[in-house]
Amino acid sequence: MTTHVDGLTKTAPVTAVKARQSLGSRLASGVSGGIVRVFLLLVGLFWLVPTIGLLLSSLRTPEDMSASGWWKVFSEPSQLTVDSYQKLLENGDITSSLGNTVLITVPATVLVVVIGALAGYAFAWMEFPGRDWWFLAVVGLLVVPVQVALIPIAELFGKIGIFGTIFGVILFHVGFGLPFAVFLLRNFFAEIPRELLEAARLDGAGELRLFLRVVMPLGGPAIASLGIFQFLWVWNDMLVALVFSDAGSQPITVALQTQVRQFGNNIDVLAPGAFISMVIPLAVFFAFQRQFVSGVMAGAVK
């Protein structure tokens, strides 16, 4: 505020009146600060307890596991040993089932990603009769539960001679993974600017080259997200494997379930086997974590 006294100009200090915050605003400010970080850190540590317990149990002998809990390791670190993992590698059922899991999961993931990407591009940018109706039919397959199809498909696989084989398990996973793959990738590819595709066509690019050089690089986040979802679903599956696999084609989940029947005699095999079965998909997830987050956030950004 300015005043004029005897020809002199004086400026009075102006004090800003700070609005008084309400109780709700102060609580929201406090919650959004360090309190939430500490709380989330505690929740994260709490959810890690079973994983840490499984890891430490896999590094103990059966006698130590029978005598005390895994937390005893912190007071007696001498209990830690890798003998259980050595015995696991000598167990033919576990090692063969782990190999079967890789032989099932990798092809089932690759086939779903490749076929889903091709079909998603076709539904998004190619014109053919009944395109929208075919896409609605694919979306409708998303609501079909796996349990409904187990017995009919098992009978079909038995008639054509692939029941109880690795190929039969892969085929089932591919069939039930494709509807979601087509739905996800078609919606992502449809967001690509049409002008970009038209410019590539003017440069002489055909549909296959357009798909490989333009659509696939732009769809990397969505494809990575789909690959992670499919990999985790197939790797951790036990229901389909119980129905469609036999002793020679069973994955690690079925092998561990079989070992549980003799829990007292196989406790030193179950802990390291379960930890290996868990840590491999975790490693895959963290390896593609950045692409996964980009794929999940892509729809929100657009």
Protein backbone atom coordinates (compact mmCIF):
# COMPACT_ATOMS: atom_id res chain seq x y z
CA MET A 1 0.00 0.00 0.00
CA THR A 2 1.38 3.46 -0.98
CA THR A 3 0.80 6.71 1.05
CA HIS A 4 1.82 10.36 0.40
CA VAL A 5 3.03 12.32 3.43
CA ASP A 6 4.57 15.85 2.99
CA GLY A 7 5.45 15.14 -0.59
CA LEU A 8 7.21 11.88 0.27
CA THR A 9 6.04 8.58 -0.94
CA LYS A 10 6.17 5.73 1.52
CA THR A 11 5.36 2.10 0.82
CA ALA A 12 3.83 0.19 3.67
CA PRO A 13 4.75 -3.49 3.94
CA VAL A 14 2.14 -5.80 2.58
CA THR A 15 1.64 -8.98 4.57
CA ALA A 16 0.17 -11.96 2.80
CA VAL A 17 -2.55 -13.65 4.67
CA LYS A 18 -2.02 -17.35 4.40
CA ALA A 19 -5.20 -19.28 4.11
CA ARG A 20 -5.69 -21.60 6.99
CA GLN A 21 -5.68 -25.22 5.92
CA SER A 22 -8.50 -27.45 6.94
CA LEU A 23 -7.97 -30.61 8.95
CA GLY A 24 -8.59 -32.74 5.88
CA SER A 25 -5.96 -30.84 3.88
CA ARG A 26 -3.37 -31.25 6.63
CA LEU A 27 -4.12 -34.97 6.86
CA ALA A 28 -3.86 -35.36 3.08
CA SER A 29 -0.51 -33.54 3.06
CA GLY A 30 0.81 -35.77 5.83
CA VAL A 31 -0.45 -38.94 4.19
CA SER A 32 1.13 -38.03 0.85
CA GLY A 33 4.52 -37.64 2.48
CA GLY A 34 6.81 -39.95 4.35
CA ILE A 35 4.08 -41.81 6.21
CA VAL A 36 2.82 -43.47 3.04
CA ARG A 37 6.35 -44.39 1.95
CA VAL A 38 7.07 -46.04 5.26
CA PHE A 39 3.74 -47.86 5.19
CA LEU A 40 4.29 -49.14 1.65
CA LEU A 41 7.81 -50.23 2.55
CA LEU A 42 6.46 -52.23 5.49
CA VAL A 43 3.78 -53.81 3.30
CA GLY A 44 6.40 -54.74 0.69
CA LEU A 45 8.62 -56.34 3.32
CA PHE A 46 5.63 -58.19 4.72
CA TRP A 47 4.79 -59.67 1.30
CA LEU A 48 8.43 -60.69 0.85
CA VAL A 49 8.47 -62.75 4.06
CA PRO A 50 7.14 -65.98 2.43
CA THR A 51 9.67 -65.68 -0.41
CA ILE A 52 12.55 -65.11 1.99
CA GLY A 53 11.33 -67.99 4.15
CA LEU A 54 11.19 -70.31 1.14
CA LEU A 55 14.71 -69.32 0.08
CA LEU A 56 16.16 -69.88 3.53
CA SER A 57 14.29 -73.17 3.90
CA SER A 58 15.74 -74.38 0.62
CA LEU A 59 19.22 -73.75 2.04
CA ARG A 60 18.69 -75.87 5.16
CA THR A 61 18.91 -79.60 5.76
CA PRO A 62 15.75 -81.67 6.38
CA GLU A 63 16.81 -82.20 9.98
CA ASP A 64 17.08 -78.45 10.62
CA MET A 65 13.74 -77.79 8.92
CA SER A 66 12.06 -80.42 11.10
CA ALA A 67 13.66 -79.08 14.29
CA SER A 68 12.96 -75.33 13.94
CA GLY A 69 11.62 -72.59 11.68
CA TRP A 70 13.53 -70.91 8.89
CA TRP A 71 14.15 -67.81 11.04
CA LYS A 72 16.62 -69.87 13.10
CA VAL A 73 19.13 -69.18 10.31
CA PHE A 74 19.65 -65.63 11.57
CA SER A 75 21.00 -66.94 14.89
CA GLU A 76 22.77 -69.97 13.38
CA PRO A 77 24.05 -69.09 9.88
CA SER A 78 26.00 -72.37 9.82
CA GLN A 79 22.75 -74.14 8.91
CA LEU A 80 22.92 -72.72 5.37
CA THR A 81 23.97 -75.29 2.78
CA VAL A 82 23.43 -76.06 -0.91
CA ASP A 83 23.06 -79.81 -0.40
CA SER A 84 19.33 -79.61 -1.14
CA TYR A 85 19.99 -78.07 -4.57
CA GLN A 86 22.57 -80.74 -5.32
CA LYS A 87 20.04 -83.41 -4.42
CA LEU A 88 17.44 -81.64 -6.54
CA LEU A 89 19.69 -81.80 -9.60
CA GLU A 90 20.09 -85.54 -8.99
CA ASN A 91 16.30 -86.03 -8.96
CA GLY A 92 15.39 -87.12 -12.49
CA ASP A 93 11.68 -86.37 -12.10
CA ILE A 94 12.28 -82.76 -11.10
CA THR A 95 14.94 -82.00 -13.71
CA SER A 96 12.93 -83.57 -16.54
CA SER A 97 9.78 -81.73 -15.44
CA LEU A 98 11.70 -78.45 -15.37
CA GLY A 99 12.81 -79.11 -18.94
CA ASN A 100 9.22 -79.95 -19.89
CA THR A 101 8.08 -76.66 -18.39
CA VAL A 102 10.51 -74.77 -20.63
CA LEU A 103 9.46 -76.81 -23.67
CA ILE A 104 5.81 -75.98 -22.96
CA THR A 105 6.10 -72.35 -21.89
CA VAL A 106 8.43 -70.95 -24.54
CA PRO A 107 6.54 -72.26 -27.63
CA ALA A 108 3.15 -71.44 -26.10
CA THR A 109 4.30 -67.88 -25.44
CA VAL A 110 6.00 -67.32 -28.80
CA LEU A 111 3.10 -68.75 -30.82
CA VAL A 112 0.51 -66.67 -28.97
CA VAL A 113 2.55 -63.48 -29.44
CA VAL A 114 3.26 -64.08 -33.15
CA ILE A 115 -0.22 -65.25 -34.14
CA GLY A 116 -1.90 -62.65 -31.92
CA ALA A 117 0.19 -59.84 -33.43
CA LEU A 118 -0.60 -60.91 -37.00
CA ALA A 119 -4.32 -61.26 -36.24
CA GLY A 120 -4.37 -57.99 -34.30
CA TYR A 121 -2.84 -56.14 -37.24
CA ALA A 122 -5.32 -57.73 -39.64
CA PHE A 123 -8.31 -56.76 -37.50
CA ALA A 124 -6.97 -53.23 -37.00
CA TRP A 125 -5.80 -52.19 -40.49
CA MET A 126 -6.81 -54.73 -43.13
CA GLU A 127 -10.19 -54.73 -44.86
CA PHE A 128 -11.90 -58.10 -45.39
CA PRO A 129 -15.52 -59.30 -45.34
CA GLY A 130 -17.01 -59.66 -41.86
CA ARG A 131 -13.97 -58.20 -40.11
CA ASP A 132 -15.91 -56.63 -37.24
CA TRP A 133 -18.10 -59.70 -36.76
CA TRP A 134 -15.07 -61.97 -36.65
CA PHE A 135 -13.48 -59.69 -34.07
CA LEU A 136 -16.64 -59.77 -31.93
CA ALA A 137 -16.52 -63.57 -32.10
CA VAL A 138 -12.92 -63.52 -30.87
CA VAL A 139 -13.85 -61.18 -28.02
CA GLY A 140 -16.74 -63.48 -27.12
CA LEU A 141 -14.26 -66.33 -26.63
CA LEU A 142 -12.75 -64.41 -23.71
CA VAL A 143 -15.71 -65.35 -21.52
CA VAL A 144 -15.37 -69.10 -22.13
CA PRO A 145 -13.91 -70.65 -18.94
CA VAL A 146 -11.08 -73.13 -19.25
CA GLN A 147 -12.89 -75.70 -17.11
CA VAL A 148 -15.74 -76.00 -19.62
CA ALA A 149 -13.42 -77.08 -22.42
CA LEU A 150 -11.22 -79.54 -20.52
CA ILE A 151 -13.23 -82.72 -21.11
CA PRO A 152 -14.30 -82.07 -24.75
CA ILE A 153 -10.79 -81.09 -25.81
CA ALA A 154 -9.31 -84.04 -23.89
CA GLU A 155 -11.57 -86.38 -25.87
CA LEU A 156 -10.60 -84.64 -29.12
CA PHE A 157 -6.89 -84.89 -28.33
CA GLY A 158 -7.33 -88.56 -27.48
CA LYS A 159 -8.92 -89.26 -30.87
CA ILE A 160 -6.15 -87.54 -32.81
CA GLY A 161 -3.38 -89.07 -30.67
CA ILE A 162 -1.85 -86.04 -28.94
CA PHE A 163 -3.33 -86.49 -25.47
CA GLY A 164 -0.62 -86.77 -22.81
CA THR A 165 2.01 -85.10 -25.01
CA ILE A 166 3.84 -81.79 -24.69
CA PHE A 167 2.37 -80.72 -28.04
CA GLY A 168 -1.15 -81.22 -26.70
CA VAL A 169 -0.47 -79.01 -23.66
CA ILE A 170 1.06 -76.33 -25.90
CA LEU A 171 -1.89 -76.45 -28.28
CA PHE A 172 -4.38 -75.99 -25.46
CA HIS A 173 -2.51 -72.99 -24.03
CA VAL A 174 -2.21 -71.40 -27.47
CA GLY A 175 -5.91 -71.85 -28.16
CA PHE A 176 -6.98 -70.22 -24.92
CA GLY A 177 -4.32 -67.52 -25.00
CA LEU A 178 -5.11 -66.21 -28.48
CA PRO A 179 -8.45 -64.44 -27.78
CA PHE A 180 -6.89 -62.15 -25.18
CA ALA A 181 -3.80 -61.65 -27.36
CA VAL A 182 -5.85 -60.62 -30.40
CA PHE A 183 -8.06 -58.34 -28.31
CA LEU A 184 -5.11 -56.61 -26.63
CA LEU A 185 -2.93 -56.14 -29.70
CA ARG A 186 -5.75 -55.15 -32.04
CA ASN A 187 -6.77 -52.30 -29.71
CA PHE A 188 -3.15 -51.19 -29.36
CA PHE A 189 -2.41 -51.33 -33.09
CA ALA A 190 -5.58 -49.39 -33.85
CA GLU A 191 -4.11 -46.39 -32.01
CA ILE A 192 -1.23 -46.09 -34.49
CA PRO A 193 -1.73 -42.95 -36.64
CA ARG A 194 -3.15 -43.80 -40.04
CA GLU A 195 -0.95 -41.16 -41.67
CA LEU A 196 2.16 -43.09 -40.61
CA LEU A 197 0.95 -46.27 -42.29
CA GLU A 198 -0.17 -44.43 -45.41
CA ALA A 199 3.26 -42.81 -45.70
CA ALA A 200 4.90 -46.22 -45.53
CA ARG A 201 2.56 -47.55 -48.22
CA LEU A 202 3.41 -44.60 -50.47
CA ASP A 203 7.06 -45.55 -50.09
CA GLY A 204 6.22 -48.97 -51.52
CA ALA A 205 5.92 -51.01 -48.33
CA GLY A 206 3.68 -54.06 -48.55
CA GLU A 207 1.54 -55.38 -45.73
CA LEU A 208 4.20 -57.77 -44.40
CA ARG A 209 6.96 -55.17 -44.53
CA LEU A 210 4.62 -52.60 -43.00
CA PHE A 211 3.86 -55.03 -40.18
CA LEU A 212 7.51 -55.89 -39.50
CA ARG A 213 9.10 -52.45 -39.93
CA VAL A 214 6.42 -50.11 -38.58
CA VAL A 215 3.76 -51.86 -36.50
CA MET A 216 5.97 -54.28 -34.58
CA PRO A 217 8.46 -51.66 -33.31
CA LEU A 218 5.64 -49.34 -32.25
CA GLY A 219 3.78 -52.20 -30.59
CA GLY A 220 6.78 -53.34 -28.56
CA PRO A 221 5.36 -52.38 -25.13
CA ALA A 222 2.05 -54.15 -25.76
CA ILE A 223 3.80 -57.22 -27.16
CA ALA A 224 6.12 -57.36 -24.14
CA SER A 225 3.15 -57.09 -21.79
CA LEU A 226 1.35 -59.89 -23.61
CA GLY A 227 4.47 -62.05 -23.53
CA ILE A 228 4.83 -61.61 -19.77
CA PHE A 229 1.16 -62.40 -19.12
CA GLN A 230 1.27 -65.51 -21.29
CA PHE A 231 4.60 -66.72 -19.88
CA LEU A 232 3.44 -66.38 -16.27
CA TRP A 233 0.10 -68.06 -16.98
CA VAL A 234 1.62 -71.07 -18.73
CA TRP A 235 4.58 -71.44 -16.36
CA ASN A 236 2.39 -71.42 -13.23
CA ASP A 237 -0.42 -73.52 -14.70
CA MET A 238 -1.25 -76.80 -13.03
CA LEU A 239 -4.90 -77.48 -13.97
CA VAL A 240 -4.29 -77.92 -17.71
CA ALA A 241 -1.08 -79.85 -17.10
CA LEU A 242 -2.82 -82.25 -14.70
CA VAL A 243 -5.40 -83.10 -17.36
CA PHE A 244 -3.35 -83.12 -20.58
CA SER A 245 0.12 -84.32 -19.49
CA ASP A 246 1.39 -87.71 -18.40
CA ALA A 247 4.46 -88.82 -16.42
CA GLY A 248 6.77 -88.08 -19.35
CA SER A 249 5.41 -84.63 -20.22
CA GLN A 250 4.44 -83.18 -16.83
CA PRO A 251 5.76 -79.68 -15.95
CA ILE A 252 7.37 -78.62 -12.69
CA THR A 253 4.04 -77.69 -11.07
CA VAL A 254 2.67 -81.21 -11.45
CA ALA A 255 5.98 -82.77 -10.40
CA LEU A 256 6.04 -80.74 -7.18
CA GLN A 257 2.40 -81.61 -6.51
CA THR A 258 3.33 -85.29 -6.88
CA GLN A 259 6.24 -84.87 -4.45
CA VAL A 260 3.89 -83.34 -1.86
CA ARG A 261 2.21 -86.72 -1.47
CA GLN A 262 5.42 -87.92 0.16
CA PHE A 263 6.13 -84.69 1.99
CA GLY A 264 8.07 -86.30 4.84
CA ASN A 265 10.54 -88.01 2.52
CA ASN A 266 10.89 -85.20 -0.03
CA ILE A 267 10.95 -82.06 2.06
CA ASP A 268 14.51 -81.33 0.94
CA VAL A 269 13.39 -81.46 -2.70
CA LEU A 270 10.19 -79.45 -2.38
CA ALA A 271 11.72 -76.25 -1.00
CA PRO A 272 14.45 -75.75 -3.64
CA GLY A 273 12.12 -76.98 -6.40
CA ALA A 274 9.41 -74.52 -5.39
CA PHE A 275 11.92 -71.67 -5.16
CA ILE A 276 13.35 -72.39 -8.64
CA SER A 277 9.81 -72.64 -10.02
CA MET A 278 9.05 -69.21 -8.55
CA VAL A 279 12.28 -67.33 -9.25
CA ILE A 280 12.39 -68.00 -13.03
CA PRO A 281 9.11 -66.18 -13.86
CA LEU A 282 10.16 -63.40 -11.47
CA ALA A 283 13.40 -62.99 -13.41
CA VAL A 284 11.45 -62.83 -16.68
CA PHE A 285 9.12 -60.20 -15.26
CA PHE A 286 11.91 -57.96 -13.97
CA ALA A 287 13.82 -58.36 -17.25
CA PHE A 288 10.86 -56.89 -19.18
CA GLN A 289 9.54 -54.66 -16.41
CA ARG A 290 10.11 -51.40 -18.30
CA GLN A 291 8.29 -52.63 -21.41
CA PHE A 292 5.50 -54.04 -19.26
CA VAL A 293 4.89 -50.71 -17.52
CA SER A 294 4.98 -48.89 -20.87
CA GLY A 295 2.42 -51.28 -22.28
CA VAL A 296 0.09 -50.90 -19.31
CA MET A 297 0.32 -47.08 -19.37
CA ALA A 298 0.03 -46.77 -23.15
CA GLY A 299 -3.76 -46.76 -23.15
CA ALA A 300 -3.92 -44.12 -20.43
CA VAL A 301 -1.49 -41.83 -22.24
CA LYS A 302 -3.36 -42.11 -25.51
